PDB file of all heavy atoms in Angstrom:
ATOM      1  N   LEU A   1       0.802  -1.152   0.004  1.00  0.00           N
ATOM      2  CA  LEU A   1      -0.026  -0.006   0.009  1.00  0.00           C
ATOM      3  C   LEU A   1       0.891   1.258  -0.030  1.00  0.00           C
ATOM      4  O   LEU A   1       0.569   2.226  -0.787  1.00  0.00           O
ATOM      5  CB  LEU A   1      -0.903  -0.008   1.212  1.00  0.00           C
ATOM      6  CG  LEU A   1      -1.784   1.232   1.347  1.00  0.00           C
ATOM      7  CD1 LEU A   1      -2.825   1.367   0.220  1.00  0.00           C
ATOM      8  CD2 LEU A   1      -2.565   1.121   2.659  1.00  0.00           C
ATOM      9  N   ALA A   2       1.922   1.283   0.787  1.00  0.00           N
ATOM     10  CA  ALA A   2       2.835   2.436   0.817  1.00  0.00           C
ATOM     11  C   ALA A   2       3.488   2.614  -0.521  1.00  0.00           C
ATOM     12  O   ALA A   2       3.585   3.785  -1.027  1.00  0.00           O
ATOM     13  CB  ALA A   2       3.928   2.208   1.875  1.00  0.00           C
ATOM     14  N   ARG A   3       3.985   1.578  -1.243  1.00  0.00           N
ATOM     15  CA  ARG A   3       4.496   1.776  -2.565  1.00  0.00           C
ATOM     16  C   ARG A   3       3.495   2.282  -3.557  1.00  0.00           C
ATOM     17  O   ARG A   3       3.782   3.188  -4.402  1.00  0.00           O
ATOM     18  CB  ARG A   3       5.015   0.398  -3.092  1.00  0.00           C
ATOM     19  CG  ARG A   3       6.279  -0.037  -2.460  1.00  0.00           C
ATOM     20  CD  ARG A   3       6.837  -1.332  -3.052  1.00  0.00           C
ATOM     21  NE  ARG A   3       8.069  -1.763  -2.441  1.00  0.00           N
ATOM     22  CZ  ARG A   3       8.235  -2.962  -1.966  1.00  0.00           C
ATOM     23  NH1 ARG A   3       7.261  -3.879  -1.941  1.00  0.00           N
ATOM     24  NH2 ARG A   3       9.338  -3.282  -1.250  1.00  0.00           N
ATOM     25  N   ARG A   4       2.277   1.790  -3.514  1.00  0.00           N
ATOM     26  CA  ARG A   4       1.270   2.252  -4.386  1.00  0.00           C
ATOM     27  C   ARG A   4       0.973   3.778  -4.113  1.00  0.00           C
ATOM     28  O   ARG A   4       0.839   4.572  -5.126  1.00  0.00           O
ATOM     29  CB  ARG A   4      -0.084   1.532  -4.119  1.00  0.00           C
ATOM     30  CG  ARG A   4      -1.214   1.905  -5.099  1.00  0.00           C
ATOM     31  CD  ARG A   4      -2.537   1.300  -4.813  1.00  0.00           C
ATOM     32  NE  ARG A   4      -2.441  -0.050  -4.618  1.00  0.00           N
ATOM     33  CZ  ARG A   4      -3.320  -0.805  -3.897  1.00  0.00           C
ATOM     34  NH1 ARG A   4      -4.394  -0.257  -3.385  1.00  0.00           N
ATOM     35  NH2 ARG A   4      -3.189  -2.113  -3.698  1.00  0.00           N
ATOM     36  N   ARG A   5       0.862   4.195  -2.909  1.00  0.00           N
ATOM     37  CA  ARG A   5       0.741   5.609  -2.551  1.00  0.00           C
ATOM     38  C   ARG A   5       1.852   6.532  -3.096  1.00  0.00           C
ATOM     39  O   ARG A   5       1.617   7.552  -3.621  1.00  0.00           O
ATOM     40  CB  ARG A   5       0.506   5.764  -1.103  1.00  0.00           C
ATOM     41  CG  ARG A   5      -0.815   5.209  -0.602  1.00  0.00           C
ATOM     42  CD  ARG A   5      -1.045   5.616   0.829  1.00  0.00           C
ATOM     43  NE  ARG A   5      -2.383   5.168   1.295  1.00  0.00           N
ATOM     44  CZ  ARG A   5      -2.796   5.399   2.471  1.00  0.00           C
ATOM     45  NH1 ARG A   5      -2.107   6.027   3.381  1.00  0.00           N
ATOM     46  NH2 ARG A   5      -4.067   5.043   2.840  1.00  0.00           N
ATOM     47  N   VAL A   6       3.055   6.033  -2.893  1.00  0.00           N
ATOM     48  CA  VAL A   6       4.196   6.781  -3.388  1.00  0.00           C
ATOM     49  C   VAL A   6       4.210   6.978  -4.899  1.00  0.00           C
ATOM     50  O   VAL A   6       4.392   8.053  -5.368  1.00  0.00           O
ATOM     51  CB  VAL A   6       5.544   6.223  -2.898  1.00  0.00           C
ATOM     52  CG1 VAL A   6       6.728   6.833  -3.566  1.00  0.00           C
ATOM     53  CG2 VAL A   6       5.653   6.408  -1.358  1.00  0.00           C
ATOM     54  N   ILE A   7       3.908   5.935  -5.652  1.00  0.00           N
ATOM     55  CA  ILE A   7       3.829   5.912  -7.051  1.00  0.00           C
ATOM     56  C   ILE A   7       2.708   6.888  -7.476  1.00  0.00           C
ATOM     57  O   ILE A   7       2.866   7.693  -8.373  1.00  0.00           O
ATOM     58  CB  ILE A   7       3.605   4.547  -7.622  1.00  0.00           C
ATOM     59  CG1 ILE A   7       4.858   3.711  -7.448  1.00  0.00           C
ATOM     60  CG2 ILE A   7       3.195   4.598  -9.078  1.00  0.00           C
ATOM     61  CD1 ILE A   7       4.762   2.194  -7.746  1.00  0.00           C
ATOM     62  N   LEU A   8       1.563   6.775  -6.862  1.00  0.00           N
ATOM     63  CA  LEU A   8       0.416   7.599  -7.278  1.00  0.00           C
ATOM     64  C   LEU A   8       0.696   9.171  -6.950  1.00  0.00           C
ATOM     65  O   LEU A   8       0.410   9.938  -7.732  1.00  0.00           O
ATOM     66  CB  LEU A   8      -0.897   7.215  -6.615  1.00  0.00           C
ATOM     67  CG  LEU A   8      -1.412   5.866  -7.061  1.00  0.00           C
ATOM     68  CD1 LEU A   8      -2.729   5.478  -6.266  1.00  0.00           C
ATOM     69  CD2 LEU A   8      -1.716   5.864  -8.471  1.00  0.00           C
ATOM     70  N   LYS A   9       1.370   9.381  -5.837  1.00  0.00           N
ATOM     71  CA  LYS A   9       1.752  10.751  -5.497  1.00  0.00           C
ATOM     72  C   LYS A   9       2.761  11.298  -6.439  1.00  0.00           C
ATOM     73  O   LYS A   9       2.662  12.470  -6.918  1.00  0.00           O
ATOM     74  CB  LYS A   9       2.324  10.881  -4.106  1.00  0.00           C
ATOM     75  CG  LYS A   9       1.273  10.693  -2.969  1.00  0.00           C
ATOM     76  CD  LYS A   9       1.859  10.828  -1.583  1.00  0.00           C
ATOM     77  CE  LYS A   9       0.832  10.609  -0.586  1.00  0.00           C
ATOM     78  NZ  LYS A   9       1.436  10.618   0.807  1.00  0.00           N
ATOM     79  N   ASN A  10       3.708  10.554  -6.847  1.00  0.00           N
ATOM     80  CA  ASN A  10       4.696  10.986  -7.887  1.00  0.00           C
ATOM     81  C   ASN A  10       4.074  11.216  -9.236  1.00  0.00           C
ATOM     82  O   ASN A  10       4.356  12.273  -9.891  1.00  0.00           O
ATOM     83  CB  ASN A  10       5.854   9.946  -8.008  1.00  0.00           C
ATOM     84  CG  ASN A  10       6.725   9.974  -6.870  1.00  0.00           C
ATOM     85  OD1 ASN A  10       6.732  10.944  -6.081  1.00  0.00           O
ATOM     86  ND2 ASN A  10       7.508   8.854  -6.646  1.00  0.00           N
ATOM     87  N   VAL A  11       3.157  10.398  -9.585  1.00  0.00           N
ATOM     88  CA  VAL A  11       2.426  10.584 -10.926  1.00  0.00           C
ATOM     89  C   VAL A  11       1.654  11.841 -10.857  1.00  0.00           C
ATOM     90  O   VAL A  11       1.629  12.602 -11.723  1.00  0.00           O
ATOM     91  CB  VAL A  11       1.543   9.339 -11.286  1.00  0.00           C
ATOM     92  CG1 VAL A  11       0.595   9.620 -12.365  1.00  0.00           C
ATOM     93  CG2 VAL A  11       2.419   8.130 -11.592  1.00  0.00           C
ATOM     94  N   PHE A  12       0.975  12.054  -9.806  1.00  0.00           N
ATOM     95  CA  PHE A  12       0.084  13.281  -9.652  1.00  0.00           C
ATOM     96  C   PHE A  12       0.960  14.536  -9.598  1.00  0.00           C
ATOM     97  O   PHE A  12       0.629  15.478 -10.225  1.00  0.00           O
ATOM     98  CB  PHE A  12      -0.751  13.197  -8.439  1.00  0.00           C
ATOM     99  CG  PHE A  12      -1.759  14.239  -8.327  1.00  0.00           C
ATOM    100  CD1 PHE A  12      -2.823  14.369  -9.180  1.00  0.00           C
ATOM    101  CD2 PHE A  12      -1.607  15.347  -7.437  1.00  0.00           C
ATOM    102  CE1 PHE A  12      -3.785  15.367  -9.126  1.00  0.00           C
ATOM    103  CE2 PHE A  12      -2.513  16.375  -7.327  1.00  0.00           C
ATOM    104  CZ  PHE A  12      -3.603  16.388  -8.205  1.00  0.00           C
ATOM    105  N   ARG A  13       2.100  14.452  -8.916  1.00  0.00           N
ATOM    106  CA  ARG A  13       3.013  15.641  -8.934  1.00  0.00           C
ATOM    107  C   ARG A  13       3.483  15.920 -10.334  1.00  0.00           C
ATOM    108  O   ARG A  13       3.596  17.150 -10.777  1.00  0.00           O
ATOM    109  CB  ARG A  13       4.238  15.382  -8.007  1.00  0.00           C
ATOM    110  CG  ARG A  13       3.889  15.590  -6.647  1.00  0.00           C
ATOM    111  CD  ARG A  13       5.177  15.474  -5.760  1.00  0.00           C
ATOM    112  NE  ARG A  13       4.749  15.305  -4.368  1.00  0.00           N
ATOM    113  CZ  ARG A  13       5.143  14.360  -3.609  1.00  0.00           C
ATOM    114  NH1 ARG A  13       5.901  13.325  -4.065  1.00  0.00           N
ATOM    115  NH2 ARG A  13       4.768  14.201  -2.337  1.00  0.00           N
ATOM    116  N   MET A  14       3.766  14.865 -11.084  1.00  0.00           N
ATOM    117  CA  MET A  14       4.256  15.139 -12.510  1.00  0.00           C
ATOM    118  C   MET A  14       3.050  15.749 -13.274  1.00  0.00           C
ATOM    119  O   MET A  14       3.348  16.702 -14.055  1.00  0.00           O
ATOM    120  CB  MET A  14       4.715  13.811 -13.121  1.00  0.00           C
ATOM    121  CG  MET A  14       6.053  13.347 -12.637  1.00  0.00           C
ATOM    122  SD  MET A  14       6.733  11.906 -13.516  1.00  0.00           S
ATOM    123  CE  MET A  14       5.396  10.872 -13.772  1.00  0.00           C
ATOM    124  N   MET A  15       1.860  15.251 -13.050  1.00  0.00           N
ATOM    125  CA  MET A  15       0.745  15.859 -13.831  1.00  0.00           C
ATOM    126  C   MET A  15       0.519  17.286 -13.490  1.00  0.00           C
ATOM    127  O   MET A  15       0.252  18.125 -14.436  1.00  0.00           O
ATOM    128  CB  MET A  15      -0.507  15.048 -13.607  1.00  0.00           C
ATOM    129  CG  MET A  15      -0.498  13.560 -14.122  1.00  0.00           C
ATOM    130  SD  MET A  15      -1.811  12.600 -13.484  1.00  0.00           S
ATOM    131  CE  MET A  15      -3.168  13.328 -14.429  1.00  0.00           C
ATOM    132  N   VAL A  16       0.630  17.691 -12.235  1.00  0.00           N
ATOM    133  CA  VAL A  16       0.472  19.087 -11.792  1.00  0.00           C
ATOM    134  C   VAL A  16       1.528  19.932 -12.383  1.00  0.00           C
ATOM    135  O   VAL A  16       1.289  21.035 -12.789  1.00  0.00           O
ATOM    136  CB  VAL A  16       0.403  19.161 -10.254  1.00  0.00           C
ATOM    137  CG1 VAL A  16       0.404  20.588  -9.820  1.00  0.00           C
ATOM    138  CG2 VAL A  16      -0.886  18.481  -9.788  1.00  0.00           C
ATOM    139  N   THR A  17       2.799  19.429 -12.395  1.00  0.00           N
ATOM    140  CA  THR A  17       3.889  20.171 -12.951  1.00  0.00           C
ATOM    141  C   THR A  17       3.676  20.471 -14.504  1.00  0.00           C
ATOM    142  O   THR A  17       3.861  21.595 -14.924  1.00  0.00           O
ATOM    143  CB  THR A  17       5.254  19.361 -12.775  1.00  0.00           C
ATOM    144  OG1 THR A  17       5.457  19.128 -11.350  1.00  0.00           O
ATOM    145  CG2 THR A  17       6.307  20.271 -13.267  1.00  0.00           C
ATOM    146  N   VAL A  18       3.283  19.443 -15.172  1.00  0.00           N
ATOM    147  CA  VAL A  18       2.995  19.666 -16.579  1.00  0.00           C
ATOM    148  C   VAL A  18       1.815  20.684 -16.789  1.00  0.00           C
ATOM    149  O   VAL A  18       1.852  21.551 -17.644  1.00  0.00           O
ATOM    150  CB  VAL A  18       2.698  18.323 -17.266  1.00  0.00           C
ATOM    151  CG1 VAL A  18       2.206  18.530 -18.756  1.00  0.00           C
ATOM    152  CG2 VAL A  18       3.944  17.421 -17.292  1.00  0.00           C
ATOM    153  N   TYR A  19       0.805  20.536 -15.988  1.00  0.00           N
ATOM    154  CA  TYR A  19      -0.362  21.475 -16.014  1.00  0.00           C
ATOM    155  C   TYR A  19       0.131  22.938 -15.792  1.00  0.00           C
ATOM    156  O   TYR A  19      -0.242  23.806 -16.543  1.00  0.00           O
ATOM    157  CB  TYR A  19      -1.296  21.060 -14.891  1.00  0.00           C
ATOM    158  CG  TYR A  19      -2.422  22.046 -14.583  1.00  0.00           C
ATOM    159  CD1 TYR A  19      -3.507  22.163 -15.428  1.00  0.00           C
ATOM    160  CD2 TYR A  19      -2.425  22.856 -13.460  1.00  0.00           C
ATOM    161  CE1 TYR A  19      -4.579  23.014 -15.129  1.00  0.00           C
ATOM    162  CE2 TYR A  19      -3.337  23.752 -13.171  1.00  0.00           C
ATOM    163  CZ  TYR A  19      -4.435  23.880 -13.984  1.00  0.00           C
ATOM    164  OH  TYR A  19      -5.430  24.812 -13.728  1.00  0.00           O
ATOM    165  N   LEU A  20       0.930  23.127 -14.800  1.00  0.00           N
ATOM    166  CA  LEU A  20       1.369  24.485 -14.511  1.00  0.00           C
ATOM    167  C   LEU A  20       2.283  25.039 -15.567  1.00  0.00           C
ATOM    168  O   LEU A  20       2.182  26.239 -16.013  1.00  0.00           O
ATOM    169  CB  LEU A  20       2.150  24.558 -13.118  1.00  0.00           C
ATOM    170  CG  LEU A  20       1.343  24.242 -11.868  1.00  0.00           C
ATOM    171  CD1 LEU A  20       2.158  24.162 -10.668  1.00  0.00           C
ATOM    172  CD2 LEU A  20       0.299  25.379 -11.769  1.00  0.00           C
ATOM    173  N   LEU A  21       3.205  24.173 -16.171  1.00  0.00           N
ATOM    174  CA  LEU A  21       4.136  24.670 -17.181  1.00  0.00           C
ATOM    175  C   LEU A  21       3.343  25.004 -18.448  1.00  0.00           C
ATOM    176  O   LEU A  21       3.529  26.046 -19.076  1.00  0.00           O
ATOM    177  CB  LEU A  21       5.125  23.605 -17.462  1.00  0.00           C
ATOM    178  CG  LEU A  21       6.217  23.351 -16.417  1.00  0.00           C
ATOM    179  CD1 LEU A  21       7.117  22.132 -16.764  1.00  0.00           C
ATOM    180  CD2 LEU A  21       7.066  24.615 -16.280  1.00  0.00           C
ATOM    181  N   VAL A  22       2.527  24.140 -18.951  1.00  0.00           N
ATOM    182  CA  VAL A  22       1.672  24.404 -20.123  1.00  0.00           C
ATOM    183  C   VAL A  22       0.766  25.614 -19.984  1.00  0.00           C
ATOM    184  O   VAL A  22       0.782  26.430 -20.881  1.00  0.00           O
ATOM    185  CB  VAL A  22       0.943  23.078 -20.560  1.00  0.00           C
ATOM    186  CG1 VAL A  22      -0.105  23.469 -21.632  1.00  0.00           C
ATOM    187  CG2 VAL A  22       1.830  22.007 -20.955  1.00  0.00           C
ATOM    188  N   ASN A  23       0.089  25.660 -18.870  1.00  0.00           N
ATOM    189  CA  ASN A  23      -0.824  26.832 -18.752  1.00  0.00           C
ATOM    190  C   ASN A  23      -0.085  28.116 -18.522  1.00  0.00           C
ATOM    191  O   ASN A  23      -0.586  29.149 -18.949  1.00  0.00           O
ATOM    192  CB  ASN A  23      -1.892  26.540 -17.557  1.00  0.00           C
ATOM    193  CG  ASN A  23      -2.961  25.614 -18.078  1.00  0.00           C
ATOM    194  OD1 ASN A  23      -3.449  25.725 -19.108  1.00  0.00           O
ATOM    195  ND2 ASN A  23      -3.061  24.533 -17.317  1.00  0.00           N
ATOM    196  N   THR A  24       1.103  28.093 -17.879  1.00  0.00           N
ATOM    197  CA  THR A  24       1.909  29.284 -17.824  1.00  0.00           C
ATOM    198  C   THR A  24       2.378  29.745 -19.169  1.00  0.00           C
ATOM    199  O   THR A  24       2.344  30.939 -19.534  1.00  0.00           O
ATOM    200  CB  THR A  24       3.170  29.073 -16.873  1.00  0.00           C
ATOM    201  OG1 THR A  24       2.645  28.657 -15.606  1.00  0.00           O
ATOM    202  CG2 THR A  24       3.982  30.328 -16.743  1.00  0.00           C
ATOM    203  N   PHE A  25       2.784  28.805 -20.000  1.00  0.00           N
ATOM    204  CA  PHE A  25       3.099  29.048 -21.390  1.00  0.00           C
ATOM    205  C   PHE A  25       1.935  29.644 -22.114  1.00  0.00           C
ATOM    206  O   PHE A  25       2.148  30.620 -22.859  1.00  0.00           O
ATOM    207  CB  PHE A  25       3.614  27.800 -22.095  1.00  0.00           C
ATOM    208  CG  PHE A  25       4.046  28.020 -23.458  1.00  0.00           C
ATOM    209  CD1 PHE A  25       5.215  28.771 -23.801  1.00  0.00           C
ATOM    210  CD2 PHE A  25       3.382  27.451 -24.497  1.00  0.00           C
ATOM    211  CE1 PHE A  25       5.621  28.930 -25.117  1.00  0.00           C
ATOM    212  CE2 PHE A  25       3.789  27.610 -25.822  1.00  0.00           C
ATOM    213  CZ  PHE A  25       4.893  28.351 -26.119  1.00  0.00           C
ATOM    214  N   LEU A  26       0.670  29.142 -21.964  1.00  0.00           N
ATOM    215  CA  LEU A  26      -0.452  29.638 -22.718  1.00  0.00           C
ATOM    216  C   LEU A  26      -0.797  31.066 -22.269  1.00  0.00           C
ATOM    217  O   LEU A  26      -1.064  31.985 -23.056  1.00  0.00           O
ATOM    218  CB  LEU A  26      -1.615  28.733 -22.490  1.00  0.00           C
ATOM    219  CG  LEU A  26      -1.635  27.370 -23.112  1.00  0.00           C
ATOM    220  CD1 LEU A  26      -2.806  26.568 -22.781  1.00  0.00           C
ATOM    221  CD2 LEU A  26      -1.440  27.523 -24.632  1.00  0.00           C
ATOM    222  N   VAL A  27      -0.610  31.375 -20.928  1.00  0.00           N
ATOM    223  CA  VAL A  27      -0.876  32.784 -20.401  1.00  0.00           C
ATOM    224  C   VAL A  27       0.191  33.643 -20.996  1.00  0.00           C
ATOM    225  O   VAL A  27      -0.073  34.799 -21.433  1.00  0.00           O
ATOM    226  CB  VAL A  27      -0.869  32.794 -18.884  1.00  0.00           C
ATOM    227  CG1 VAL A  27      -0.883  34.237 -18.388  1.00  0.00           C
ATOM    228  CG2 VAL A  27      -2.120  32.016 -18.361  1.00  0.00           C
ATOM    229  N   PHE A  28       1.465  33.203 -21.178  1.00  0.00           N
ATOM    230  CA  PHE A  28       2.471  33.992 -21.728  1.00  0.00           C
ATOM    231  C   PHE A  28       2.213  34.282 -23.176  1.00  0.00           C
ATOM    232  O   PHE A  28       2.390  35.421 -23.633  1.00  0.00           O
ATOM    233  CB  PHE A  28       3.905  33.248 -21.565  1.00  0.00           C
ATOM    234  CG  PHE A  28       5.047  33.894 -22.235  1.00  0.00           C
ATOM    235  CD1 PHE A  28       5.584  35.014 -21.742  1.00  0.00           C
ATOM    236  CD2 PHE A  28       5.529  33.420 -23.502  1.00  0.00           C
ATOM    237  CE1 PHE A  28       6.705  35.669 -22.355  1.00  0.00           C
ATOM    238  CE2 PHE A  28       6.493  34.083 -24.144  1.00  0.00           C
ATOM    239  CZ  PHE A  28       7.141  35.186 -23.492  1.00  0.00           C
ATOM    240  N   ILE A  29       1.704  33.355 -23.929  1.00  0.00           N
ATOM    241  CA  ILE A  29       1.312  33.599 -25.304  1.00  0.00           C
ATOM    242  C   ILE A  29       0.221  34.633 -25.346  1.00  0.00           C
ATOM    243  O   ILE A  29       0.222  35.543 -26.184  1.00  0.00           O
ATOM    244  CB  ILE A  29       0.859  32.273 -26.000  1.00  0.00           C
ATOM    245  CG1 ILE A  29       2.128  31.356 -26.202  1.00  0.00           C
ATOM    246  CG2 ILE A  29       0.262  32.561 -27.312  1.00  0.00           C
ATOM    247  CD1 ILE A  29       1.767  29.991 -26.718  1.00  0.00           C
ATOM    248  N   TRP A  30      -0.796  34.519 -24.493  1.00  0.00           N
ATOM    249  CA  TRP A  30      -1.852  35.436 -24.481  1.00  0.00           C
ATOM    250  C   TRP A  30      -1.409  36.831 -24.177  1.00  0.00           C
ATOM    251  O   TRP A  30      -1.847  37.834 -24.801  1.00  0.00           O
ATOM    252  CB  TRP A  30      -2.911  34.978 -23.332  1.00  0.00           C
ATOM    253  CG  TRP A  30      -3.984  35.919 -23.072  1.00  0.00           C
ATOM    254  CD1 TRP A  30      -5.047  36.187 -23.950  1.00  0.00           C
ATOM    255  CD2 TRP A  30      -4.061  36.876 -22.093  1.00  0.00           C
ATOM    256  NE1 TRP A  30      -5.821  37.148 -23.420  1.00  0.00           N
ATOM    257  CE2 TRP A  30      -5.254  37.628 -22.277  1.00  0.00           C
ATOM    258  CE3 TRP A  30      -3.257  37.173 -20.938  1.00  0.00           C
ATOM    259  CZ2 TRP A  30      -5.670  38.581 -21.341  1.00  0.00           C
ATOM    260  CZ3 TRP A  30      -3.695  38.131 -20.075  1.00  0.00           C
ATOM    261  CH2 TRP A  30      -4.888  38.839 -20.246  1.00  0.00           C
ATOM    262  N   LEU A  31      -0.411  36.962 -23.292  1.00  0.00           N
ATOM    263  CA  LEU A  31       0.091  38.321 -22.885  1.00  0.00           C
ATOM    264  C   LEU A  31       0.910  38.945 -24.011  1.00  0.00           C
ATOM    265  O   LEU A  31       0.842  40.120 -24.213  1.00  0.00           O
ATOM    266  CB  LEU A  31       1.033  38.212 -21.642  1.00  0.00           C
ATOM    267  CG  LEU A  31       0.261  37.989 -20.314  1.00  0.00           C
ATOM    268  CD1 LEU A  31       1.373  37.736 -19.189  1.00  0.00           C
ATOM    269  CD2 LEU A  31      -0.528  39.245 -19.943  1.00  0.00           C
ATOM    270  N   THR A  32       1.736  38.120 -24.766  1.00  0.00           N
ATOM    271  CA  THR A  32       2.599  38.683 -25.740  1.00  0.00           C
ATOM    272  C   THR A  32       2.046  38.628 -27.163  1.00  0.00           C
ATOM    273  O   THR A  32       2.225  39.695 -27.805  1.00  0.00           O
ATOM    274  CB  THR A  32       3.903  37.835 -25.751  1.00  0.00           C
ATOM    275  OG1 THR A  32       3.572  36.548 -26.030  1.00  0.00           O
ATOM    276  CG2 THR A  32       4.675  37.960 -24.412  1.00  0.00           C
ATOM    277  N   VAL A  33       1.309  37.740 -27.553  1.00  0.00           N
ATOM    278  CA  VAL A  33       0.933  37.541 -29.001  1.00  0.00           C
ATOM    279  C   VAL A  33      -0.571  38.052 -29.126  1.00  0.00           C
ATOM    280  O   VAL A  33      -0.799  38.792 -30.138  1.00  0.00           O
ATOM    281  CB  VAL A  33       1.122  36.136 -29.460  1.00  0.00           C
ATOM    282  CG1 VAL A  33       0.611  35.957 -30.929  1.00  0.00           C
ATOM    283  CG2 VAL A  33       2.561  35.758 -29.338  1.00  0.00           C
ATOM    284  N   ALA A  34      -1.397  37.627 -28.390  1.00  0.00           N
ATOM    285  CA  ALA A  34      -2.838  37.902 -28.648  1.00  0.00           C
ATOM    286  C   ALA A  34      -3.271  39.328 -28.292  1.00  0.00           C
ATOM    287  O   ALA A  34      -4.353  39.662 -28.643  1.00  0.00           O
ATOM    288  CB  ALA A  34      -3.630  36.873 -27.760  1.00  0.00           C
ATOM    289  N   GLY A  35      -2.386  40.115 -27.688  1.00  0.00           N
ATOM    290  CA  GLY A  35      -2.734  41.521 -27.490  1.00  0.00           C
ATOM    291  C   GLY A  35      -3.781  41.720 -26.349  1.00  0.00           C
ATOM    292  O   GLY A  35      -4.429  42.700 -26.304  1.00  0.00           O
ATOM    293  N   ARG A  36      -3.777  40.822 -25.417  1.00  0.00           N
ATOM    294  CA  ARG A  36      -4.604  40.866 -24.244  1.00  0.00           C
ATOM    295  C   ARG A  36      -6.064  41.123 -24.501  1.00  0.00           C
ATOM    296  O   ARG A  36      -6.719  41.920 -23.877  1.00  0.00           O
ATOM    297  CB  ARG A  36      -4.101  41.981 -23.315  1.00  0.00           C
ATOM    298  CG  ARG A  36      -2.697  41.751 -22.749  1.00  0.00           C
ATOM    299  CD  ARG A  36      -2.339  42.776 -21.785  1.00  0.00           C
ATOM    300  NE  ARG A  36      -1.051  42.557 -21.290  1.00  0.00           N
ATOM    301  CZ  ARG A  36      -0.628  43.051 -20.149  1.00  0.00           C
ATOM    302  NH1 ARG A  36      -1.392  43.806 -19.368  1.00  0.00           N
ATOM    303  NH2 ARG A  36       0.621  42.828 -19.778  1.00  0.00           N
ATOM    304  N   GLY A  37      -6.624  40.299 -25.456  1.00  0.00           N
ATOM    305  CA  GLY A  37      -8.055  40.338 -25.694  1.00  0.00           C
ATOM    306  C   GLY A  37      -8.754  39.553 -24.626  1.00  0.00           C
ATOM    307  O   GLY A  37      -8.396  39.599 -23.407  1.00  0.00           O
ATOM    308  N   GLU A  38      -9.713  38.797 -25.121  1.00  0.00           N
ATOM    309  CA  GLU A  38     -10.399  37.818 -24.295  1.00  0.00           C
ATOM    310  C   GLU A  38      -9.402  36.792 -23.636  1.00  0.00           C
ATOM    311  O   GLU A  38      -8.579  36.344 -24.414  1.00  0.00           O
ATOM    312  CB  GLU A  38     -11.519  37.140 -25.001  1.00  0.00           C
ATOM    313  CG  GLU A  38     -12.288  36.174 -24.185  1.00  0.00           C
ATOM    314  CD  GLU A  38     -13.276  35.389 -24.990  1.00  0.00           C
ATOM    315  OE1 GLU A  38     -13.645  35.760 -26.058  1.00  0.00           O
ATOM    316  OE2 GLU A  38     -13.669  34.281 -24.507  1.00  0.00           O
ATOM    317  N   PHE A  39      -9.560  36.481 -22.415  1.00  0.00           N
ATOM    318  CA  PHE A  39      -8.600  35.658 -21.699  1.00  0.00           C
ATOM    319  C   PHE A  39      -8.971  34.185 -22.055  1.00  0.00           C
ATOM    320  O   PHE A  39      -9.618  33.414 -21.302  1.00  0.00           O
ATOM    321  CB  PHE A  39      -8.641  35.808 -20.211  1.00  0.00           C
ATOM    322  CG  PHE A  39      -7.586  35.058 -19.510  1.00  0.00           C
ATOM    323  CD1 PHE A  39      -6.202  35.382 -19.635  1.00  0.00           C
ATOM    324  CD2 PHE A  39      -7.934  34.110 -18.545  1.00  0.00           C
ATOM    325  CE1 PHE A  39      -5.218  34.615 -18.953  1.00  0.00           C
ATOM    326  CE2 PHE A  39      -6.928  33.344 -17.882  1.00  0.00           C
ATOM    327  CZ  PHE A  39      -5.603  33.620 -18.092  1.00  0.00           C
TER     328      PHE A  39
END
């Protein structure tokens, strides 16, 4: 059970990291390219 929990926590952390990186990149594109129209 402990091994399963550690694996699931690591997978979830990776998913959150990818989520933050991609969405930060999308906000950066919105700020620089799109001219700050609709968010």
